[in-house]
Amino acid sequence: MVKYWNITIPELTGSGERLAYVYLPESYESEPERRYPVLYMFDGHNLFFDEHATYGKSWGLKEYMERTGTPVIIAAVECNHDADNGRLKEYSPYSFSDPTFGEIEGKGRLTMEWMINVFKPYIDSHFRTQRGRRNTMIAGSSMGGLMSLYAVLQYNHIFSRAAALSPSIWCTPKKIEKLIRSAKIKPGTVVYMDYGTKELKNHSDIIREFGRTASLMMTRRIAVESRIVLNGTHSEGSWEKQIPFFMNTLLYDL
């Protein structure tokens, strides 16, 4: 079951509305005493319904969760669709300059502070969640993948596990490296990362940065699952095919 409703994020977009989504496992109604781990995700509009997705194709996450009976609550929020690079700003932890997009003011910290201090408490108070760090995860793709890495590093006391599909580490690779080295990492931290072979050409040096990011996290004793996806592209259709891989990693030994 997927519920969705309109919300506002005054800290980021004032009174402008966007959709919030919550997927509830099939057992949620039949087992009223049971509590569930929570996976927070970015780009919620692209996850469940083709008719909501930006390019008309979703991840098909609802069908996967129902087919497999995966006992996890998924909570997600629609991205900022403002023409002035709204999504890039909200999903970038740091400001950066790019020949294509120009100067981007990173508002990722504001985004995460809202998610931790407003959205997560709402989810915990309205649904039967397992609220502790061990059972709180985060995931996303592209800029949402970058934000997932940032979240599990910067807010490791909140999120124990993260999945970063095609993460946009090309934006600010040095700052991400610095964060990996300085972050306060607790035991039991797990990170899934992947990148498609057909998208490697989109950004120079991405394969080197991808490998370096994974290796640095390993030196911090983070359990890293890192994959290069054969024929993988930068698209919802490709990320849909990776659901079993990142779900199995996130939920391993949980």
Protein backbone atom coordinates (compact mmCIF):
# COMPACT_ATOMS: atom_id res chain seq x y z
CA MET A 1 0.00 0.00 0.00
CA VAL A 2 1.30 3.45 -0.92
CA LYS A 3 -0.13 6.55 0.73
CA TYR A 4 0.67 10.03 -0.49
CA TRP A 5 -0.29 13.54 0.54
CA ASN A 6 0.72 17.17 0.00
CA ILE A 7 3.33 18.76 2.21
CA THR A 8 5.32 22.00 2.30
CA ILE A 9 8.97 22.55 3.22
CA PRO A 10 9.02 26.21 4.30
CA GLU A 11 12.79 26.15 4.89
CA LEU A 12 13.36 25.36 1.21
CA THR A 13 10.35 26.35 -0.91
CA GLY A 14 8.03 28.36 1.29
CA SER A 15 4.36 27.51 0.78
CA GLY A 16 4.94 25.53 -2.41
CA GLU A 17 3.43 22.04 -2.17
CA ARG A 18 4.96 18.72 -3.10
CA LEU A 19 4.03 15.10 -2.47
CA ALA A 20 5.19 12.86 0.36
CA TYR A 21 4.91 9.09 -0.04
CA VAL A 22 4.83 6.17 2.40
CA TYR A 23 4.87 2.53 1.38
CA LEU A 24 3.48 0.16 4.01
CA PRO A 25 4.19 -3.59 3.81
CA GLU A 26 1.27 -5.92 3.21
CA SER A 27 1.64 -7.29 6.75
CA TYR A 28 1.19 -3.81 8.23
CA GLU A 29 -2.58 -4.20 8.63
CA SER A 30 -2.63 -7.90 9.55
CA GLU A 31 0.05 -7.60 12.25
CA PRO A 32 -1.01 -4.52 14.24
CA GLU A 33 1.67 -4.92 16.92
CA ARG A 34 4.59 -5.20 14.52
CA ARG A 35 7.05 -2.37 13.94
CA TYR A 36 9.18 -1.95 10.82
CA PRO A 37 12.55 -0.59 9.71
CA VAL A 38 12.31 2.57 7.61
CA LEU A 39 14.04 3.37 4.33
CA TYR A 40 13.99 7.10 3.52
CA MET A 41 14.38 7.90 -0.17
CA PHE A 42 14.83 10.90 -2.44
CA ASP A 43 12.80 11.67 -5.60
CA GLY A 44 9.70 10.04 -4.17
CA HIS A 45 7.63 10.85 -7.26
CA ASN A 46 9.81 8.50 -9.34
CA LEU A 47 9.56 5.46 -7.09
CA PHE A 48 6.07 3.97 -7.22
CA PHE A 49 3.83 5.22 -10.02
CA ASP A 50 4.63 5.76 -13.70
CA GLU A 51 2.02 8.52 -13.89
CA HIS A 52 3.89 10.49 -11.20
CA ALA A 53 7.38 9.92 -12.59
CA THR A 54 9.22 12.76 -14.31
CA TYR A 55 9.87 10.77 -17.48
CA GLY A 56 6.84 8.48 -17.34
CA LYS A 57 8.72 5.49 -15.92
CA SER A 58 9.00 4.75 -12.20
CA TRP A 59 11.27 2.34 -10.34
CA GLY A 60 8.35 -0.07 -9.91
CA LEU A 61 9.23 -0.20 -6.23
CA LYS A 62 5.69 -0.92 -5.06
CA GLU A 63 5.49 -4.03 -7.23
CA TYR A 64 8.88 -5.27 -6.05
CA MET A 65 8.05 -4.80 -2.37
CA GLU A 66 4.69 -6.53 -2.74
CA ARG A 67 6.11 -9.37 -4.82
CA THR A 68 8.89 -10.08 -2.33
CA GLY A 69 6.96 -9.26 0.84
CA THR A 70 9.87 -7.14 2.07
CA PRO A 71 8.99 -5.94 5.61
CA VAL A 72 10.18 -2.34 5.33
CA ILE A 73 8.40 1.02 5.42
CA ILE A 74 9.57 3.39 2.67
CA ALA A 75 9.17 7.12 3.24
CA ALA A 76 9.99 9.52 0.41
CA VAL A 77 9.41 13.08 -0.73
CA GLU A 78 9.03 14.57 -4.20
CA CYS A 79 11.98 16.66 -5.37
CA ASN A 80 11.98 20.38 -6.10
CA HIS A 81 10.96 20.92 -9.73
CA ASP A 82 11.75 24.65 -9.87
CA ALA A 83 13.27 25.65 -13.20
CA ASP A 84 16.20 27.42 -11.52
CA ASN A 85 18.06 24.17 -10.72
CA GLY A 86 15.87 23.63 -7.67
CA ARG A 87 16.57 19.92 -7.46
CA LEU A 88 20.32 20.36 -7.83
CA LYS A 89 20.36 22.92 -5.03
CA GLU A 90 18.31 20.85 -2.59
CA TYR A 91 20.22 17.66 -3.37
CA SER A 92 23.74 19.08 -3.25
CA PRO A 93 25.46 19.05 0.15
CA TYR A 94 27.94 21.66 -1.04
CA SER A 95 27.95 24.62 -3.43
CA PHE A 96 29.71 24.02 -6.74
CA SER A 97 30.23 25.47 -10.19
CA ASP A 98 29.53 23.58 -13.40
CA PRO A 99 29.84 24.59 -17.09
CA THR A 100 26.35 23.24 -17.80
CA PHE A 101 24.45 24.30 -14.69
CA GLY A 102 26.42 27.37 -13.60
CA GLU A 103 26.75 28.30 -9.94
CA ILE A 104 24.82 25.95 -7.67
CA GLU A 105 24.15 26.94 -4.07
CA GLY A 106 24.16 23.69 -2.15
CA LYS A 107 21.21 23.36 0.22
CA GLY A 108 21.71 19.71 1.08
CA ARG A 109 22.29 20.43 4.74
CA LEU A 110 18.95 22.27 4.95
CA THR A 111 17.28 19.35 3.17
CA MET A 112 18.70 16.83 5.63
CA GLU A 113 17.92 18.97 8.67
CA TRP A 114 14.29 19.11 7.52
CA MET A 115 14.22 15.37 6.88
CA ILE A 116 15.69 14.55 10.29
CA ASN A 117 13.90 17.14 12.39
CA VAL A 118 10.51 17.34 10.66
CA PHE A 119 9.84 14.45 8.28
CA LYS A 120 11.31 11.60 10.32
CA PRO A 121 9.47 12.60 13.52
CA TYR A 122 6.24 12.78 11.52
CA ILE A 123 6.79 9.29 10.09
CA ASP A 124 7.73 7.89 13.50
CA SER A 125 4.63 9.37 15.15
CA HIS A 126 2.14 8.33 12.46
CA PHE A 127 3.40 4.86 11.55
CA ARG A 128 4.72 1.85 13.46
CA THR A 129 8.42 2.30 12.87
CA GLN A 130 11.54 0.93 14.49
CA ARG A 131 13.01 4.32 15.32
CA GLY A 132 16.59 3.49 16.22
CA ARG A 133 19.67 4.07 14.08
CA ARG A 134 20.12 0.39 13.25
CA ASN A 135 16.74 0.31 11.50
CA THR A 136 16.91 3.72 9.81
CA MET A 137 18.26 3.74 6.23
CA ILE A 138 18.43 6.14 3.30
CA ALA A 139 18.70 5.74 -0.49
CA GLY A 140 18.57 7.62 -3.76
CA SER A 141 19.92 7.90 -7.27
CA SER A 142 22.00 10.51 -9.09
CA MET A 143 21.94 13.66 -6.91
CA GLY A 144 19.79 11.65 -4.50
CA GLY A 145 22.60 9.09 -4.44
CA LEU A 146 25.06 11.83 -3.54
CA MET A 147 22.73 12.97 -0.77
CA SER A 148 22.46 9.41 0.54
CA LEU A 149 26.25 9.20 0.86
CA TYR A 150 26.31 12.59 2.55
CA ALA A 151 23.51 11.58 4.94
CA VAL A 152 25.07 8.31 6.09
CA LEU A 153 28.41 10.07 6.67
CA GLN A 154 27.34 13.43 8.13
CA TYR A 155 24.38 12.04 10.07
CA ASN A 156 25.72 8.60 10.89
CA HIS A 157 24.12 8.79 14.32
CA ILE A 158 20.74 8.78 12.53
CA PHE A 159 21.29 6.54 9.47
CA SER A 160 23.17 3.24 9.72
CA ARG A 161 22.84 2.19 6.06
CA ALA A 162 22.66 3.88 2.66
CA ALA A 163 22.23 3.00 -1.01
CA ALA A 164 23.70 5.38 -3.58
CA LEU A 165 22.77 4.49 -7.16
CA SER A 166 24.74 6.40 -9.81
CA PRO A 167 25.78 8.95 -7.17
CA SER A 168 26.73 12.39 -8.51
CA ILE A 169 30.09 12.48 -6.74
CA TRP A 170 31.43 14.45 -9.72
CA CYS A 171 29.94 17.64 -8.21
CA THR A 172 32.32 18.02 -5.29
CA PRO A 173 34.59 14.96 -5.07
CA LYS A 174 37.21 16.57 -2.81
CA LYS A 175 34.61 17.65 -0.27
CA ILE A 176 33.08 14.18 -0.18
CA GLU A 177 36.55 12.69 0.32
CA LYS A 178 37.17 15.11 3.19
CA LEU A 179 33.85 14.16 4.76
CA ILE A 180 34.65 10.45 4.53
CA ARG A 181 37.95 11.03 6.31
CA SER A 182 36.50 13.21 9.08
CA ALA A 183 33.04 11.72 9.68
CA LYS A 184 32.25 10.10 13.02
CA ILE A 185 31.39 6.59 11.88
CA LYS A 186 29.66 4.16 14.20
CA PRO A 187 30.01 0.36 13.93
CA GLY A 188 27.50 -1.38 11.69
CA THR A 189 27.54 1.24 8.91
CA VAL A 190 26.69 -0.24 5.49
CA VAL A 191 26.86 1.46 2.08
CA TYR A 192 25.75 0.17 -1.32
CA MET A 193 27.10 1.99 -4.40
CA ASP A 194 26.73 1.33 -8.12
CA TYR A 195 27.33 2.95 -11.47
CA GLY A 196 26.29 1.86 -14.97
CA THR A 197 28.82 1.22 -17.73
CA LYS A 198 26.78 3.26 -20.21
CA GLU A 199 26.79 6.35 -17.98
CA LEU A 200 30.51 6.39 -17.20
CA LYS A 201 31.13 8.65 -20.20
CA ASN A 202 28.81 11.32 -18.81
CA HIS A 203 31.48 12.74 -16.49
CA SER A 204 35.24 12.64 -16.83
CA ASP A 205 37.18 10.72 -14.17
CA ILE A 206 33.96 9.34 -12.65
CA ILE A 207 35.27 5.77 -12.56
CA ARG A 208 38.35 6.93 -10.63
CA GLU A 209 36.27 9.00 -8.21
CA PHE A 210 33.78 6.16 -7.77
CA GLY A 211 36.54 3.70 -6.91
CA ARG A 212 38.31 6.17 -4.66
CA THR A 213 35.12 6.95 -2.76
CA ALA A 214 34.41 3.26 -2.16
CA SER A 215 38.02 2.57 -1.11
CA LEU A 216 38.13 5.49 1.33
CA MET A 217 34.91 4.34 2.98
CA MET A 218 36.40 0.88 3.39
CA THR A 219 39.38 2.39 5.23
CA ARG A 220 36.83 3.82 7.70
CA ARG A 221 35.57 0.26 8.27
CA ILE A 222 32.31 0.90 6.46
CA ALA A 223 30.90 -2.29 4.92
CA VAL A 224 30.78 -1.29 1.24
CA GLU A 225 29.03 -3.17 -1.58
CA SER A 226 30.32 -1.57 -4.80
CA ARG A 227 29.18 -2.55 -8.31
CA ILE A 228 29.70 -1.47 -11.90
CA VAL A 229 26.48 -2.43 -13.67
CA LEU A 230 26.90 -3.93 -17.12
CA ASN A 231 24.91 -1.83 -19.65
CA GLY A 232 23.53 0.25 -16.78
CA THR A 233 22.19 3.68 -17.74
CA HIS A 234 21.24 6.86 -15.86
CA SER A 235 17.53 6.07 -15.78
CA GLU A 236 14.68 4.79 -13.64
CA GLY A 237 14.46 1.65 -15.76
CA SER A 238 18.07 0.79 -15.00
CA TRP A 239 17.78 1.63 -11.30
CA GLU A 240 14.70 -0.57 -11.07
CA LYS A 241 16.85 -3.56 -12.04
CA GLN A 242 19.19 -2.82 -9.13
CA ILE A 243 16.49 -2.95 -6.46
CA PRO A 244 17.22 -6.58 -5.43
CA PHE A 245 20.93 -5.80 -5.09
CA PHE A 246 20.64 -2.73 -2.89
CA MET A 247 17.71 -4.06 -0.86
CA ASN A 248 19.60 -7.25 -0.05
CA THR A 249 22.61 -5.19 1.01
CA LEU A 250 20.62 -2.78 3.17
CA LEU A 251 18.64 -5.52 4.88
CA TYR A 252 21.46 -8.03 5.35
CA ASP A 253 21.60 -9.21 8.97
CA LEU A 254 18.96 -6.66 9.98
